[in-house]
Amino acid sequence: MRKVSKNKYGRRNILAVGFASFFGGISQDMFIPILPLYLTQILGLDRTIVGVAEGLVSAASSGFKVVAGRLSDKYKQQKPIVIAGYALSMVGRGLLAFVGVPLAVFGLRFADGVGKGIKDPPKDVLVANAADKETRGRSFGIARMLDTFGSALGPLILSGLIILFTRHHVPTSHYYRWLLIFAAVVLLVTIGIVQFGIKETKQPTTDQFNVKAPLAKSFYLFTAIAGVFALANSSDAFLILRSQNLGLSIVAIPLAYALLNVVYGSLSLPAGIISDKVGRIPLITIGWAVYGLSYFGFAVAHSAWQVWPLFTLYGVYYAASEGVGRALIADVVGQEARGRAYGVYNMIIGFAALPAGLIAGLLWDRVSPRAPFYFSTVMSLIAVGLIIRFKKNLIPDVQID
């Protein structure tokens, strides 16, 4: 493997972040495929409440992304913040097995969202600071690849456990709750990897760094356009509900979600390497266009078998845009302000998730299951048009270390 780090702990930290995310992905993607089914079938909540709950997760956590980013820049310590985030998510997921009213669901989803908000910016900072500018896309690709392979394994474990519980005639409501608890407990492994696997070097404190330095205009422009795209990007819970609506079985849904993540994980590293050579904007543009195509496919689909190629296409979107977008931010923002930049970026994306989830839920309940996917298709194409229009303004004149 070529050199990917610029300090003695760089490669170790990139891999540690990746493997922590691997087990975090197992937890997340054991949890996500059954969550909307648990909320609608076991707790009896309607789709609008599901949409609001999932939008609230992202929106409510957004402010904490900014707080975590600023703390990361100020104190130059990412590990404690990441550990606190994973611990909150563990509590938020596990306790869902013991509640039954919407208010409690909202509270626990809020806790999970805050955990995600706290951990994401410092994780991105750890990777950005550990990587050389020449291989930044590759480094984010490695981290995303490991994260996503965990996300692919999670649904496979979930399907195996569902088959096991079904064969032993465990009531559905009981085994759903055991699955939620198991998904939460996996995060103990992630916390251990962060604690013992990541080595942070001593960095200058705030009297040597200007943490109030203005962020680049290109950063704000990209974040604004990404916010428009986020209005199209409602929770993946609606993909799961749509898959069930098309006739995919409870066992097959996690497998389809695993397929998405296999594609995502397999293509993340190649996408990062390509972005190092040809630039970030072409990859992001392709990714968003593929997103629109996949959502249009979900809108017009009429058979369960069509879910499989559509989830494959959706994995291409993730690979082409997720890690590459984070690498673009590191390209235009210096090390002294990256925590703040990732916090602001994630805040905007998170705030956009609340109206995105609400709109998707209302369109599903009041128009048809196809309607939210048509809406997302249109919004994603608008975002593609914007990023093409302002392409020159998004490319940094000088790539930052």
Protein backbone atom coordinates (compact mmCIF):
# COMPACT_ATOMS: atom_id res chain seq x y z
CA MET A 1 0.00 0.00 0.00
CA ARG A 2 1.28 3.46 -0.83
CA LYS A 3 2.05 5.98 1.86
CA VAL A 4 -1.13 7.56 3.17
CA SER A 5 -0.01 9.40 6.27
CA LYS A 6 2.05 12.41 7.24
CA ASN A 7 2.88 11.54 10.87
CA LYS A 8 4.09 8.42 12.64
CA TYR A 9 0.60 7.50 13.78
CA GLY A 10 -1.15 8.51 10.55
CA ARG A 11 -1.68 5.13 8.94
CA ARG A 12 -2.51 3.53 12.29
CA ASN A 13 -5.12 6.19 13.03
CA ILE A 14 -6.74 5.91 9.60
CA LEU A 15 -7.06 2.15 10.03
CA ALA A 16 -8.25 2.49 13.63
CA VAL A 17 -10.95 4.96 12.58
CA GLY A 18 -11.87 2.57 9.78
CA PHE A 19 -12.17 -0.50 12.02
CA ALA A 20 -14.03 1.44 14.71
CA SER A 21 -16.43 2.48 11.97
CA PHE A 22 -16.57 -1.14 10.78
CA PHE A 23 -18.13 -2.26 14.06
CA GLY A 24 -20.14 0.94 14.24
CA GLY A 25 -21.46 0.05 10.79
CA ILE A 26 -22.43 -3.44 11.95
CA SER A 27 -24.46 -1.87 14.75
CA GLN A 28 -25.99 0.85 12.58
CA ASP A 29 -27.00 -1.46 9.77
CA MET A 30 -28.37 -4.18 11.99
CA PHE A 31 -30.48 -1.43 13.49
CA ILE A 32 -31.63 0.62 10.46
CA PRO A 33 -33.33 -2.15 8.42
CA ILE A 34 -35.62 -3.19 11.27
CA LEU A 35 -36.20 0.24 12.83
CA PRO A 36 -39.01 1.46 10.53
CA LEU A 37 -40.65 -1.98 10.66
CA TYR A 38 -40.38 -2.03 14.47
CA LEU A 39 -41.87 1.47 14.73
CA THR A 40 -44.74 0.82 12.30
CA GLN A 41 -45.58 -2.85 12.92
CA ILE A 42 -44.72 -3.37 16.59
CA LEU A 43 -45.33 0.10 18.03
CA GLY A 44 -48.04 1.01 15.50
CA LEU A 45 -46.69 4.44 14.50
CA ASP A 46 -47.67 5.90 11.12
CA ARG A 47 -45.19 6.84 8.38
CA THR A 48 -45.40 10.56 9.05
CA ILE A 49 -44.23 10.03 12.64
CA VAL A 50 -41.42 7.79 11.36
CA GLY A 51 -40.39 10.50 8.91
CA VAL A 52 -40.42 13.19 11.61
CA ALA A 53 -38.52 10.95 14.05
CA GLU A 54 -35.79 10.18 11.55
CA GLY A 55 -35.59 13.77 10.39
CA LEU A 56 -35.40 14.86 14.03
CA VAL A 57 -32.43 12.54 14.56
CA SER A 58 -30.39 14.40 11.96
CA ALA A 59 -31.72 17.89 12.64
CA ALA A 60 -31.45 17.73 16.45
CA SER A 61 -27.91 16.34 16.24
CA SER A 62 -26.75 19.08 13.89
CA GLY A 63 -26.07 21.66 16.57
CA PHE A 64 -23.93 19.12 18.41
CA LYS A 65 -21.86 18.59 15.28
CA VAL A 66 -20.85 22.24 15.43
CA VAL A 67 -20.16 22.01 19.17
CA ALA A 68 -18.06 18.87 18.66
CA GLY A 69 -16.17 20.47 15.80
CA ARG A 70 -15.34 23.58 17.82
CA LEU A 71 -14.25 21.51 20.83
CA SER A 72 -12.08 19.42 18.53
CA ASP A 73 -10.37 22.53 17.15
CA LYS A 74 -9.98 24.14 20.57
CA TYR A 75 -8.64 21.23 22.61
CA LYS A 76 -7.04 19.20 19.80
CA GLN A 77 -8.40 15.97 21.28
CA GLN A 78 -10.79 13.90 19.19
CA LYS A 79 -10.86 10.55 21.05
CA PRO A 80 -12.96 11.56 24.09
CA ILE A 81 -15.56 13.21 21.86
CA VAL A 82 -15.82 10.18 19.57
CA ILE A 83 -16.17 7.80 22.54
CA ALA A 84 -18.92 9.95 24.08
CA GLY A 85 -20.78 9.92 20.77
CA TYR A 86 -20.71 6.15 20.40
CA ALA A 87 -21.79 5.73 24.03
CA LEU A 88 -24.85 7.93 23.49
CA SER A 89 -25.80 5.99 20.37
CA MET A 90 -25.48 2.73 22.28
CA VAL A 91 -27.92 3.96 24.93
CA GLY A 92 -30.32 5.42 22.37
CA ARG A 93 -30.55 2.18 20.38
CA GLY A 94 -30.65 -0.30 23.23
CA LEU A 95 -33.37 1.41 25.24
CA LEU A 96 -35.72 1.51 22.24
CA ALA A 97 -36.45 -2.13 23.06
CA PHE A 98 -38.18 -1.04 26.28
CA VAL A 99 -40.38 1.87 25.15
CA GLY A 100 -43.72 2.02 23.37
CA VAL A 101 -44.88 5.64 23.03
CA PRO A 102 -43.90 8.25 20.40
CA LEU A 103 -42.43 10.72 22.90
CA ALA A 104 -40.01 8.12 24.27
CA VAL A 105 -39.10 7.09 20.72
CA PHE A 106 -38.35 10.72 19.84
CA GLY A 107 -36.18 11.09 22.94
CA LEU A 108 -34.11 7.98 22.25
CA ARG A 109 -33.76 8.75 18.56
CA PHE A 110 -32.63 12.22 19.64
CA ALA A 111 -29.97 10.65 21.89
CA ASP A 112 -28.76 8.45 19.02
CA GLY A 113 -28.67 11.47 16.73
CA VAL A 114 -26.72 13.53 19.25
CA GLY A 115 -24.24 10.66 19.50
CA LYS A 116 -23.81 10.68 15.76
CA GLY A 117 -23.47 14.44 15.79
CA ILE A 118 -20.77 14.35 18.44
CA LYS A 119 -18.62 11.63 16.85
CA ASP A 120 -18.70 12.47 13.15
CA PRO A 121 -16.70 15.75 12.91
CA PRO A 122 -13.77 14.57 15.10
CA LYS A 123 -13.62 11.27 13.17
CA ASP A 124 -13.33 13.23 9.92
CA VAL A 125 -10.64 15.43 11.52
CA LEU A 126 -8.66 12.36 12.60
CA VAL A 127 -8.59 11.06 9.01
CA ALA A 128 -7.93 14.47 7.42
CA ASN A 129 -5.06 15.25 9.79
CA ALA A 130 -3.50 11.79 9.37
CA ALA A 131 -3.47 11.91 5.56
CA ASP A 132 -1.14 13.54 3.06
CA LYS A 133 -2.80 15.99 0.70
CA GLU A 134 -1.78 13.84 -2.30
CA THR A 135 -3.66 10.82 -0.94
CA ARG A 136 -6.47 12.48 0.99
CA GLY A 137 -9.19 10.95 -1.16
CA ARG A 138 -7.58 7.54 -0.82
CA SER A 139 -7.41 7.88 2.97
CA PHE A 140 -11.05 8.83 3.27
CA GLY A 141 -11.79 5.98 0.86
CA ILE A 142 -10.06 3.48 3.17
CA ALA A 143 -12.05 4.71 6.17
CA ARG A 144 -15.33 4.67 4.23
CA MET A 145 -14.57 1.23 2.80
CA LEU A 146 -14.10 -0.35 6.23
CA ASP A 147 -17.12 1.51 7.59
CA THR A 148 -19.25 0.25 4.73
CA PHE A 149 -18.10 -3.35 4.86
CA GLY A 150 -19.31 -3.31 8.47
CA SER A 151 -22.56 -1.90 7.18
CA ALA A 152 -22.74 -4.79 4.71
CA LEU A 153 -22.08 -7.39 7.41
CA GLY A 154 -24.68 -5.93 9.79
CA PRO A 155 -27.73 -6.79 7.65
CA LEU A 156 -26.35 -10.29 7.00
CA ILE A 157 -26.06 -10.90 10.75
CA LEU A 158 -29.54 -9.44 11.12
CA SER A 159 -31.01 -11.80 8.51
CA GLY A 160 -29.32 -14.80 10.11
CA LEU A 161 -30.70 -13.89 13.54
CA ILE A 162 -34.19 -13.34 12.13
CA ILE A 163 -34.11 -16.80 10.50
CA LEU A 164 -32.86 -18.30 13.79
CA PHE A 165 -35.58 -16.62 15.86
CA THR A 166 -38.26 -17.55 13.32
CA ARG A 167 -37.27 -21.22 13.30
CA HIS A 168 -37.51 -21.28 17.08
CA HIS A 169 -40.95 -19.63 16.91
CA VAL A 170 -39.92 -16.59 18.93
CA PRO A 171 -42.71 -13.96 18.71
CA THR A 172 -41.87 -11.11 16.32
CA SER A 173 -42.24 -8.41 18.94
CA HIS A 174 -39.80 -10.26 21.22
CA TYR A 175 -37.04 -10.89 18.72
CA TYR A 176 -37.22 -7.34 17.34
CA ARG A 177 -36.38 -6.12 20.83
CA TRP A 178 -33.49 -8.58 21.22
CA LEU A 179 -32.12 -7.40 17.86
CA LEU A 180 -32.16 -3.78 19.03
CA ILE A 181 -30.26 -4.73 22.18
CA PHE A 182 -27.67 -6.75 20.25
CA ALA A 183 -27.11 -3.88 17.80
CA ALA A 184 -26.42 -1.56 20.74
CA VAL A 185 -24.00 -3.92 22.52
CA VAL A 186 -21.78 -4.18 19.40
CA LEU A 187 -20.79 -0.55 19.98
CA LEU A 188 -18.75 -1.63 23.00
CA VAL A 189 -16.21 -3.04 20.52
CA THR A 190 -16.12 0.26 18.65
CA ILE A 191 -15.50 2.20 21.85
CA GLY A 192 -12.62 -0.15 22.73
CA ILE A 193 -10.95 0.34 19.33
CA VAL A 194 -11.16 4.12 19.62
CA GLN A 195 -9.75 4.07 23.14
CA PHE A 196 -6.83 1.72 22.51
CA GLY A 197 -6.24 1.94 18.76
CA ILE A 198 -6.00 5.68 18.08
CA LYS A 199 -2.88 7.59 19.11
CA GLU A 200 -3.23 11.35 19.12
CA THR A 201 -0.09 13.44 18.83
CA LYS A 202 0.21 16.62 20.86
CA GLN A 203 -0.88 19.62 18.77
CA PRO A 204 -0.59 23.36 19.33
CA THR A 205 -3.28 24.83 21.56
CA THR A 206 -5.59 27.72 20.77
CA ASP A 207 -3.02 30.44 21.50
CA GLN A 208 -1.05 29.17 18.49
CA PHE A 209 -4.03 28.45 16.27
CA ASN A 210 -6.67 30.96 15.25
CA VAL A 211 -9.82 28.89 15.63
CA LYS A 212 -11.89 31.91 14.54
CA ALA A 213 -10.20 32.10 11.15
CA PRO A 214 -12.83 32.57 8.41
CA LEU A 215 -13.68 29.52 6.35
CA ALA A 216 -13.18 29.62 2.59
CA LYS A 217 -16.00 30.89 0.37
CA SER A 218 -15.75 27.69 -1.65
CA PHE A 219 -16.50 25.74 1.52
CA TYR A 220 -19.70 27.70 2.19
CA LEU A 221 -20.78 27.41 -1.44
CA PHE A 222 -20.33 23.64 -1.47
CA THR A 223 -22.11 23.32 1.87
CA ALA A 224 -25.07 25.36 0.58
CA ILE A 225 -25.39 23.20 -2.55
CA ALA A 226 -25.05 20.04 -0.45
CA GLY A 227 -27.88 21.40 1.70
CA VAL A 228 -30.12 21.60 -1.37
CA PHE A 229 -29.24 18.00 -2.18
CA ALA A 230 -29.98 17.01 1.42
CA LEU A 231 -33.59 18.12 0.93
CA ALA A 232 -33.81 15.29 -1.61
CA ASN A 233 -32.06 12.83 0.65
CA SER A 234 -34.75 11.66 3.05
CA SER A 235 -34.02 8.84 5.48
CA ASP A 236 -33.12 5.42 4.07
CA ALA A 237 -36.04 4.21 6.18
CA PHE A 238 -38.27 5.13 3.25
CA LEU A 239 -36.28 2.84 0.96
CA ILE A 240 -36.94 0.02 3.39
CA LEU A 241 -40.65 0.85 3.60
CA ARG A 242 -40.83 1.08 -0.18
CA SER A 243 -39.09 -2.29 -0.50
CA GLN A 244 -41.68 -3.85 1.78
CA ASN A 245 -44.40 -2.02 -0.15
CA LEU A 246 -43.14 -3.69 -3.35
CA GLY A 247 -43.35 -7.12 -1.71
CA LEU A 248 -39.81 -7.79 -0.47
CA SER A 249 -39.85 -10.10 2.56
CA ILE A 250 -38.63 -9.25 6.06
CA VAL A 251 -35.65 -11.58 5.60
CA ALA A 252 -34.76 -10.22 2.15
CA ILE A 253 -34.84 -6.53 3.14
CA PRO A 254 -31.62 -6.72 5.25
CA LEU A 255 -29.95 -8.65 2.42
CA ALA A 256 -30.84 -5.93 -0.07
CA TYR A 257 -29.44 -3.37 2.36
CA ALA A 258 -26.28 -5.48 2.65
CA LEU A 259 -25.96 -5.45 -1.15
CA LEU A 260 -26.08 -1.65 -1.07
CA ASN A 261 -23.21 -1.58 1.40
CA VAL A 262 -21.12 -4.17 -0.45
CA VAL A 263 -21.29 -1.97 -3.53
CA TYR A 264 -20.61 1.14 -1.45
CA GLY A 265 -17.65 -0.42 0.34
CA SER A 266 -16.13 -1.96 -2.80
CA LEU A 267 -16.21 1.31 -4.72
CA SER A 268 -15.30 3.78 -1.94
CA LEU A 269 -11.53 3.29 -2.19
CA PRO A 270 -11.44 3.39 -6.03
CA ALA A 271 -13.64 6.50 -5.96
CA GLY A 272 -11.28 8.18 -3.49
CA ILE A 273 -8.22 7.32 -5.59
CA ILE A 274 -9.91 8.63 -8.75
CA SER A 275 -10.85 11.86 -6.97
CA ASP A 276 -7.18 12.36 -6.04
CA LYS A 277 -6.37 12.27 -9.76
CA VAL A 278 -9.31 13.98 -11.51
CA GLY A 279 -10.74 16.13 -8.71
CA ARG A 280 -13.61 15.85 -6.25
CA ILE A 281 -16.36 17.69 -8.16
CA PRO A 282 -16.74 15.21 -11.07
CA LEU A 283 -17.18 12.30 -8.64
CA ILE A 284 -19.71 14.18 -6.48
CA THR A 285 -21.68 15.24 -9.55
CA ILE A 286 -21.85 11.67 -10.83
CA GLY A 287 -22.85 10.43 -7.39
CA TRP A 288 -25.75 12.88 -7.05
CA ALA A 289 -26.95 12.11 -10.57
CA VAL A 290 -26.91 8.38 -9.80
CA TYR A 291 -28.90 9.13 -6.64
CA GLY A 292 -31.59 10.82 -8.72
CA LEU A 293 -31.67 7.87 -11.10
CA SER A 294 -32.02 5.34 -8.27
CA TYR A 295 -34.83 7.28 -6.60
CA PHE A 296 -36.64 7.61 -9.91
CA GLY A 297 -36.32 3.84 -10.18
CA PHE A 298 -37.91 3.39 -6.74
CA ALA A 299 -40.73 5.70 -7.82
CA VAL A 300 -41.63 3.72 -10.96
CA ALA A 301 -40.81 0.22 -9.64
CA HIS A 302 -43.68 -2.27 -9.56
CA SER A 303 -42.08 -5.59 -8.52
CA ALA A 304 -39.97 -6.79 -5.60
CA TRP A 305 -37.11 -8.00 -7.82
CA GLN A 306 -36.46 -4.41 -8.96
CA VAL A 307 -35.33 -3.49 -5.44
CA TRP A 308 -32.05 -5.38 -5.94
CA PRO A 309 -30.63 -3.41 -8.91
CA LEU A 310 -31.92 -0.17 -7.38
CA PHE A 311 -30.06 -0.78 -4.11
CA THR A 312 -26.97 -1.58 -6.20
CA LEU A 313 -27.30 1.78 -7.96
CA TYR A 314 -27.83 3.51 -4.64
CA GLY A 315 -24.53 2.06 -3.40
CA VAL A 316 -22.75 3.70 -6.35
CA TYR A 317 -24.13 7.07 -5.23
CA TYR A 318 -22.76 6.63 -1.73
CA ALA A 319 -19.31 5.54 -2.94
CA ALA A 320 -18.94 8.41 -5.38
CA SER A 321 -20.01 11.20 -3.02
CA GLU A 322 -19.70 10.49 0.70
CA GLY A 323 -15.96 10.19 1.37
CA VAL A 324 -15.09 12.38 -1.63
CA GLY A 325 -17.22 15.23 -0.26
CA ARG A 326 -15.37 15.10 3.06
CA ALA A 327 -12.03 15.09 1.24
CA LEU A 328 -13.13 18.22 -0.66
CA ILE A 329 -13.71 20.03 2.63
CA ALA A 330 -10.20 19.09 3.81
CA ASP A 331 -8.87 20.46 0.50
CA VAL A 332 -10.27 23.95 1.13
CA VAL A 333 -10.03 24.22 4.94
CA GLY A 334 -6.79 24.27 6.91
CA GLN A 335 -6.05 21.92 9.80
CA GLU A 336 -6.69 24.63 12.39
CA ALA A 337 -10.39 24.91 11.46
CA ARG A 338 -11.38 21.50 10.12
CA GLY A 339 -13.39 20.51 13.17
CA ARG A 340 -15.49 23.65 12.82
CA ALA A 341 -15.83 23.13 9.06
CA TYR A 342 -17.03 19.54 9.39
CA GLY A 343 -19.37 20.65 12.15
CA VAL A 344 -20.93 23.39 10.00
CA TYR A 345 -21.19 21.06 6.99
CA ASN A 346 -22.87 18.31 8.99
CA MET A 347 -25.13 20.85 10.70
CA ILE A 348 -26.52 22.08 7.38
CA ILE A 349 -27.03 18.54 6.11
CA GLY A 350 -28.70 17.58 9.37
CA PHE A 351 -31.05 20.56 9.48
CA ALA A 352 -32.14 19.80 5.92
CA ALA A 353 -32.98 16.24 6.98
CA LEU A 354 -35.94 17.33 9.12
CA PRO A 355 -37.98 18.91 6.30
CA ALA A 356 -36.78 16.13 3.97
CA GLY A 357 -38.17 13.47 6.32
CA LEU A 358 -41.37 15.40 6.99
CA ILE A 359 -42.03 15.99 3.29
CA ALA A 360 -41.33 12.34 2.44
CA GLY A 361 -43.64 11.11 5.19
CA LEU A 362 -46.49 13.45 4.23
CA LEU A 363 -46.16 12.58 0.54
CA TRP A 364 -46.24 8.87 1.38
CA ASP A 365 -49.28 9.10 3.67
CA ARG A 366 -51.32 11.68 1.75
CA VAL A 367 -50.39 11.12 -1.89
CA SER A 368 -48.81 7.70 -2.54
CA PRO A 369 -45.72 5.59 -1.74
CA ARG A 370 -44.27 6.73 -5.09
CA ALA A 371 -44.58 10.46 -4.43
CA PRO A 372 -41.61 11.02 -2.08
CA PHE A 373 -39.30 9.37 -4.61
CA TYR A 374 -40.44 11.64 -7.43
CA PHE A 375 -39.84 14.64 -5.17
CA SER A 376 -36.32 13.45 -4.28
CA THR A 377 -35.53 12.87 -7.95
CA VAL A 378 -36.39 16.46 -8.84
CA MET A 379 -34.47 17.97 -5.91
CA SER A 380 -31.36 15.90 -6.64
CA LEU A 381 -31.35 17.06 -10.26
CA ILE A 382 -31.57 20.68 -9.08
CA ALA A 383 -28.50 20.07 -6.89
CA VAL A 384 -26.66 18.51 -9.83
CA GLY A 385 -27.45 21.59 -11.91
CA LEU A 386 -26.11 23.87 -9.17
CA ILE A 387 -22.84 22.00 -8.71
CA ILE A 388 -22.26 22.05 -12.49
CA ARG A 389 -23.11 25.77 -12.63
CA PHE A 390 -20.68 26.71 -9.83
CA LYS A 391 -18.01 24.10 -10.53
CA LYS A 392 -15.20 26.62 -11.03
CA ASN A 393 -16.00 28.34 -7.74
CA LEU A 394 -15.76 25.04 -5.84
CA ILE A 395 -12.27 24.02 -6.96
CA PRO A 396 -9.54 25.29 -4.57
CA ASP A 397 -6.79 27.35 -6.14
CA VAL A 398 -4.24 25.75 -3.81
CA GLN A 399 -4.71 22.41 -2.10
CA ILE A 400 -4.25 22.74 1.66
CA ASP A 401 -2.15 20.39 3.77
